[in-house]
């Protein structure tokens, strides 16, 4: 039988190994909140891995349905991740329905959804990332201001836009296009790769679109970061560190969109630590 303590250790290991950016922020939380957030991350990661895995589409749909079923009976599970999530949900006001929204977003990927305009993309971002923002908020805790939920949602949407811009090349190789179709047309962009597998942009149209989209994502960060004053210092530091890492990536893309043409842009471990330390010192507020 899986003990709650062992379940949390499993989730901590998953988060430490796989949350390459988020773990720098999560480490700034006090142990009870850190354990709870690792549990939520581990389950969210499971959902994402189903969508990104190599199984046939039908098997992925079946696995997503299984996660939905598991969420309806958390207390009856012996799965370590689910045991930890169940305990976290007993200790904090975790909106478990947010996991259902995440599953809906992953299903959009399985359906091969494309996005006619930015408003359509926001729906996707809200499902796959706004949901995570709201889950995190349940652990961070906040006052009585109902706007905090909206801020957490907006911050998640900002993070997902950063992911989309960072991963244009990788997503294209996987047959996925998240950039809105009307914006691709407006900027005259035909997404393609060259003989070496790098993004092909002979007329700098894609660079112009990415710079435009990055500036818009910065506006979403400005909206979402209004959350920080509503959080206690450690939770604000965690949130600020996670957002700071992604916002730094976004600033680099905005300054030079070609940095994502041939690789997956990332920060070094030292750079991530610097952002996290700055957040803990209050620099992200």
Protein backbone atom coordinates (compact mmCIF):
# COMPACT_ATOMS: atom_id res chain seq x y z
CA UNK A 1 0.00 0.00 0.00
CA UNK A 2 1.28 3.46 -0.95
CA UNK A 3 1.67 5.79 2.01
CA UNK A 4 0.96 9.49 1.60
CA UNK A 5 4.58 10.28 2.43
CA UNK A 6 5.84 7.91 -0.27
CA UNK A 7 3.30 9.31 -2.72
CA UNK A 8 4.63 12.82 -2.20
CA UNK A 9 8.21 11.62 -2.63
CA UNK A 10 7.22 10.14 -5.99
CA UNK A 11 5.66 13.43 -7.09
CA UNK A 12 8.69 15.40 -5.92
CA UNK A 13 10.96 13.15 -7.99
CA UNK A 14 8.77 13.54 -11.07
CA UNK A 15 8.72 17.31 -10.68
CA UNK A 16 12.44 17.58 -10.01
CA UNK A 17 13.29 15.47 -13.07
CA UNK A 18 10.74 16.82 -15.52
CA UNK A 19 9.76 20.36 -14.51
CA UNK A 20 12.87 21.92 -15.96
CA UNK A 21 11.61 25.46 -15.40
CA UNK A 22 8.88 25.22 -12.78
CA UNK A 23 10.96 23.40 -10.17
CA UNK A 24 13.16 26.45 -9.66
CA UNK A 25 10.09 28.29 -8.41
CA UNK A 26 8.52 25.38 -6.56
CA UNK A 27 11.64 25.00 -4.42
CA UNK A 28 10.97 28.44 -2.94
CA UNK A 29 7.76 27.28 -1.27
CA UNK A 30 7.57 25.99 2.31
CA UNK A 31 7.53 22.15 2.41
CA UNK A 32 3.73 21.59 2.73
CA UNK A 33 2.93 23.82 -0.24
CA UNK A 34 5.89 22.47 -2.20
CA UNK A 35 4.68 18.89 -1.76
CA UNK A 36 1.11 19.78 -2.75
CA UNK A 37 2.20 21.67 -5.84
CA UNK A 38 4.49 18.81 -6.88
CA UNK A 39 1.48 16.47 -6.65
CA UNK A 40 -0.58 18.71 -8.94
CA UNK A 41 2.33 19.07 -11.34
CA UNK A 42 2.86 15.29 -11.50
CA UNK A 43 -0.75 14.69 -12.52
CA UNK A 44 -0.72 17.54 -15.03
CA UNK A 45 2.50 16.10 -16.45
CA UNK A 46 0.83 12.72 -16.82
CA UNK A 47 -1.93 14.29 -18.89
CA UNK A 48 0.58 16.18 -21.06
CA UNK A 49 2.67 13.05 -21.59
CA UNK A 50 -0.39 11.19 -22.85
CA UNK A 51 -0.92 13.85 -25.48
CA UNK A 52 2.74 14.04 -26.49
CA UNK A 53 3.47 10.31 -26.38
CA UNK A 54 3.84 7.81 -29.20
CA UNK A 55 0.67 5.80 -28.63
CA UNK A 56 -2.02 5.65 -31.34
CA UNK A 57 -4.64 8.39 -31.07
CA UNK A 58 -7.33 5.96 -29.93
CA UNK A 59 -5.14 4.74 -27.07
CA UNK A 60 -4.44 8.32 -26.03
CA UNK A 61 -8.16 9.09 -25.92
CA UNK A 62 -8.68 5.99 -23.81
CA UNK A 63 -5.94 7.03 -21.37
CA UNK A 64 -7.36 10.55 -21.05
CA UNK A 65 -10.73 9.03 -20.26
CA UNK A 66 -9.06 6.92 -17.59
CA UNK A 67 -7.60 10.01 -15.95
CA UNK A 68 -11.06 11.59 -15.88
CA UNK A 69 -12.38 8.46 -14.21
CA UNK A 70 -9.52 8.46 -11.71
CA UNK A 71 -10.27 12.07 -10.78
CA UNK A 72 -13.81 11.08 -9.89
CA UNK A 73 -12.55 8.47 -7.39
CA UNK A 74 -9.27 9.79 -6.01
CA UNK A 75 -9.80 8.30 -2.57
CA UNK A 76 -10.11 4.82 -4.05
CA UNK A 77 -6.76 4.88 -5.85
CA UNK A 78 -3.42 3.39 -4.81
CA UNK A 79 -1.54 5.18 -7.61
CA UNK A 80 1.12 7.35 -5.89
CA UNK A 81 0.38 10.47 -7.92
CA UNK A 82 -3.35 10.18 -7.30
CA UNK A 83 -2.82 9.46 -3.61
CA UNK A 84 -0.79 12.67 -3.31
CA UNK A 85 -3.33 14.71 -5.29
CA UNK A 86 -6.14 13.38 -3.09
CA UNK A 87 -4.26 14.44 0.03
CA UNK A 88 -3.46 17.86 -1.44
CA UNK A 89 -7.15 18.32 -2.28
CA UNK A 90 -8.04 17.56 1.33
CA UNK A 91 -5.60 20.18 2.61
CA UNK A 92 -6.15 22.91 0.01
CA UNK A 93 -9.13 24.13 -2.08
CA UNK A 94 -7.88 22.42 -5.25
CA UNK A 95 -10.26 22.98 -8.21
CA UNK A 96 -10.09 19.42 -9.54
CA UNK A 97 -12.29 20.45 -12.48
CA UNK A 98 -9.25 22.32 -13.79
CA UNK A 99 -7.68 18.95 -14.61
CA UNK A 100 -10.72 18.27 -16.77
CA UNK A 101 -10.05 21.52 -18.64
CA UNK A 102 -6.43 20.44 -19.15
CA UNK A 103 -7.65 17.15 -20.59
CA UNK A 104 -9.98 19.07 -22.91
CA UNK A 105 -6.99 21.07 -24.14
CA UNK A 106 -4.90 17.97 -24.78
CA UNK A 107 -7.84 16.52 -26.68
CA UNK A 108 -7.70 19.58 -28.96
CA UNK A 109 -4.14 18.56 -29.83
CA UNK A 110 -5.27 15.01 -30.56
CA UNK A 111 -8.02 16.39 -32.80
CA UNK A 112 -5.46 18.38 -34.78
CA UNK A 113 -7.18 21.65 -33.97
CA UNK A 114 -5.92 24.76 -35.74
CA UNK A 115 -6.75 28.31 -34.72
CA UNK A 116 -8.48 30.72 -37.05
CA UNK A 117 -7.75 33.71 -34.87
CA UNK A 118 -6.14 34.67 -31.59
CA UNK A 119 -9.41 34.41 -29.69
CA UNK A 120 -9.53 30.73 -30.64
CA UNK A 121 -5.96 30.25 -29.44
CA UNK A 122 -6.82 31.84 -26.09
CA UNK A 123 -9.42 29.10 -25.56
CA UNK A 124 -6.70 26.49 -25.96
CA UNK A 125 -4.21 28.39 -23.77
CA UNK A 126 -6.81 28.80 -21.05
CA UNK A 127 -7.47 25.06 -21.03
CA UNK A 128 -3.88 23.83 -21.00
CA UNK A 129 -2.23 26.61 -18.99
CA UNK A 130 -4.81 28.87 -17.41
CA UNK A 131 -6.02 25.72 -15.69
CA UNK A 132 -2.52 25.23 -14.24
CA UNK A 133 -2.48 28.80 -13.01
CA UNK A 134 -5.73 28.24 -11.14
CA UNK A 135 -4.46 24.97 -9.68
CA UNK A 136 -1.31 26.71 -8.45
CA UNK A 137 -3.36 29.50 -6.92
CA UNK A 138 -5.24 26.98 -4.79
CA UNK A 139 -1.92 26.05 -3.17
CA UNK A 140 -0.48 29.55 -2.99
CA UNK A 141 -3.54 30.89 -1.22
CA UNK A 142 -4.84 34.41 -1.57
CA UNK A 143 -7.14 36.90 0.05
CA UNK A 144 -10.76 37.47 -0.73
CA UNK A 145 -10.21 39.42 -3.96
CA UNK A 146 -12.03 37.41 -6.66
CA UNK A 147 -9.81 38.94 -9.34
CA UNK A 148 -6.91 36.74 -8.21
CA UNK A 149 -8.38 33.80 -10.12
CA UNK A 150 -8.48 35.88 -13.30
CA UNK A 151 -4.89 37.01 -12.79
CA UNK A 152 -3.72 33.40 -12.34
CA UNK A 153 -5.59 32.45 -15.49
CA UNK A 154 -4.01 35.31 -17.46
CA UNK A 155 -0.54 34.43 -16.24
CA UNK A 156 -1.00 30.85 -17.38
CA UNK A 157 -2.10 32.09 -20.80
CA UNK A 158 1.03 34.26 -21.00
CA UNK A 159 3.24 31.27 -20.19
CA UNK A 160 1.56 29.15 -22.85
CA UNK A 161 2.03 31.84 -25.49
CA UNK A 162 5.72 31.79 -24.64
CA UNK A 163 5.79 28.01 -25.07
CA UNK A 164 4.12 28.34 -28.46
CA UNK A 165 6.64 30.91 -29.72
CA UNK A 166 9.60 28.97 -28.33
CA UNK A 167 8.43 25.69 -29.87
CA UNK A 168 7.29 26.78 -33.36
CA UNK A 169 9.96 24.65 -35.03
CA UNK A 170 9.44 21.58 -32.84
CA UNK A 171 5.66 21.76 -33.16
CA UNK A 172 5.88 22.10 -36.94
CA UNK A 173 8.01 18.96 -37.11
CA UNK A 174 5.27 17.23 -35.08
CA UNK A 175 2.54 18.42 -37.43
CA UNK A 176 1.14 21.06 -35.05
CA UNK A 177 0.59 24.74 -35.80
CA UNK A 178 -0.59 27.01 -33.01
CA UNK A 179 0.00 30.40 -34.62
CA UNK A 180 -3.39 31.84 -35.67
CA UNK A 181 -4.23 31.30 -39.33
CA UNK A 182 -5.34 34.89 -39.89
CA UNK A 183 -2.02 36.19 -38.56
CA UNK A 184 -0.02 33.80 -40.69
CA UNK A 185 -1.91 35.18 -43.69
CA UNK A 186 -1.58 38.81 -42.61
CA UNK A 187 2.20 38.52 -42.24
CA UNK A 188 2.57 36.44 -45.40
CA UNK A 189 4.03 33.46 -43.53
CA UNK A 190 4.17 29.97 -44.98
CA UNK A 191 5.50 27.79 -42.19
CA UNK A 192 8.15 25.45 -43.56
CA UNK A 193 11.60 24.09 -42.77
CA UNK A 194 14.68 24.14 -44.93
CA UNK A 195 16.85 21.21 -45.98
CA UNK A 196 18.54 21.25 -42.56
CA UNK A 197 15.27 21.14 -40.68
CA UNK A 198 15.44 24.77 -39.52
CA UNK A 199 12.57 27.21 -39.91
CA UNK A 200 12.57 28.70 -43.42
CA UNK A 201 12.04 32.46 -43.44
CA UNK A 202 13.51 33.94 -46.63
CA UNK A 203 11.67 37.26 -46.38
CA UNK A 204 11.70 37.75 -42.56
CA UNK A 205 7.92 37.47 -42.47
CA UNK A 206 7.99 34.86 -39.74
CA UNK A 207 10.40 36.96 -37.69
CA UNK A 208 7.97 39.88 -37.89
CA UNK A 209 5.06 37.68 -36.78
CA UNK A 210 6.99 36.20 -33.86
CA UNK A 211 8.08 39.65 -32.68
CA UNK A 212 4.47 40.87 -32.89
CA UNK A 213 3.17 37.82 -30.99
CA UNK A 214 5.88 38.20 -28.34
CA UNK A 215 4.87 41.80 -27.68
CA UNK A 216 1.28 40.67 -27.22
CA UNK A 217 2.35 37.95 -24.80
CA UNK A 218 4.19 40.59 -22.76
CA UNK A 219 0.82 42.33 -22.30
CA UNK A 220 -0.60 39.10 -20.88
CA UNK A 221 2.28 38.90 -18.41
CA UNK A 222 1.50 42.45 -17.31
CA UNK A 223 -2.08 41.37 -16.67
CA UNK A 224 -1.19 38.12 -14.91
CA UNK A 225 1.59 39.46 -12.70
CA UNK A 226 -0.99 41.59 -10.91
CA UNK A 227 -1.47 38.37 -8.94
CA UNK A 228 1.80 38.71 -7.00
CA UNK A 229 0.72 41.36 -4.46
CA UNK A 230 -2.15 39.07 -3.45
CA UNK A 231 0.22 36.25 -2.42
CA UNK A 232 2.36 35.68 0.65
CA UNK A 233 6.08 36.31 0.15
CA UNK A 234 7.13 32.71 -0.52
CA UNK A 235 4.23 32.03 -2.87
CA UNK A 236 4.87 35.30 -4.70
CA UNK A 237 8.52 34.31 -5.05
CA UNK A 238 7.56 30.92 -6.47
CA UNK A 239 5.12 32.43 -8.92
CA UNK A 240 7.50 35.24 -9.82
CA UNK A 241 10.36 32.83 -10.45
CA UNK A 242 8.32 30.62 -12.76
CA UNK A 243 6.97 33.62 -14.65
CA UNK A 244 10.38 35.29 -14.68
CA UNK A 245 12.08 32.36 -16.39
CA UNK A 246 9.49 32.27 -19.16
CA UNK A 247 9.37 36.04 -19.50
CA UNK A 248 13.15 36.08 -19.94
CA UNK A 249 12.80 33.54 -22.74
CA UNK A 250 10.06 35.66 -24.30
CA UNK A 251 12.23 38.79 -24.18
CA UNK A 252 14.98 36.93 -26.05
CA UNK A 253 12.54 35.79 -28.71
CA UNK A 254 11.19 39.32 -29.06
CA UNK A 255 14.71 40.72 -29.43
CA UNK A 256 15.79 38.07 -31.94
CA UNK A 257 13.11 35.69 -33.25
CA UNK A 258 15.70 33.67 -35.16
CA UNK A 259 16.89 32.15 -31.87
CA UNK A 260 14.05 29.62 -32.19
CA UNK A 261 14.69 28.76 -35.83
CA UNK A 262 17.22 25.99 -35.25
CA UNK A 263 16.89 24.91 -31.60
CA UNK A 264 14.75 24.94 -28.50
CA UNK A 265 15.64 28.10 -26.65
CA UNK A 266 16.38 27.66 -22.94
CA UNK A 267 18.11 29.31 -20.02
CA UNK A 268 21.12 27.80 -18.29
CA UNK A 269 20.77 26.46 -14.76
CA UNK A 270 22.70 29.45 -13.48
CA UNK A 271 20.40 31.88 -15.23
CA UNK A 272 17.34 30.15 -13.77
CA UNK A 273 18.83 30.29 -10.28
CA UNK A 274 19.48 34.01 -10.74
CA UNK A 275 15.84 34.60 -11.67
CA UNK A 276 14.66 32.51 -8.69
CA UNK A 277 16.93 34.33 -6.24
CA UNK A 278 15.71 37.67 -7.58
CA UNK A 279 12.13 36.58 -7.08
CA UNK A 280 12.80 35.49 -3.52
CA UNK A 281 14.43 38.83 -2.81
CA UNK A 282 11.33 40.57 -4.06
CA UNK A 283 12.68 41.62 -7.42
CA UNK A 284 9.79 40.01 -9.30
CA UNK A 285 7.19 42.06 -7.42
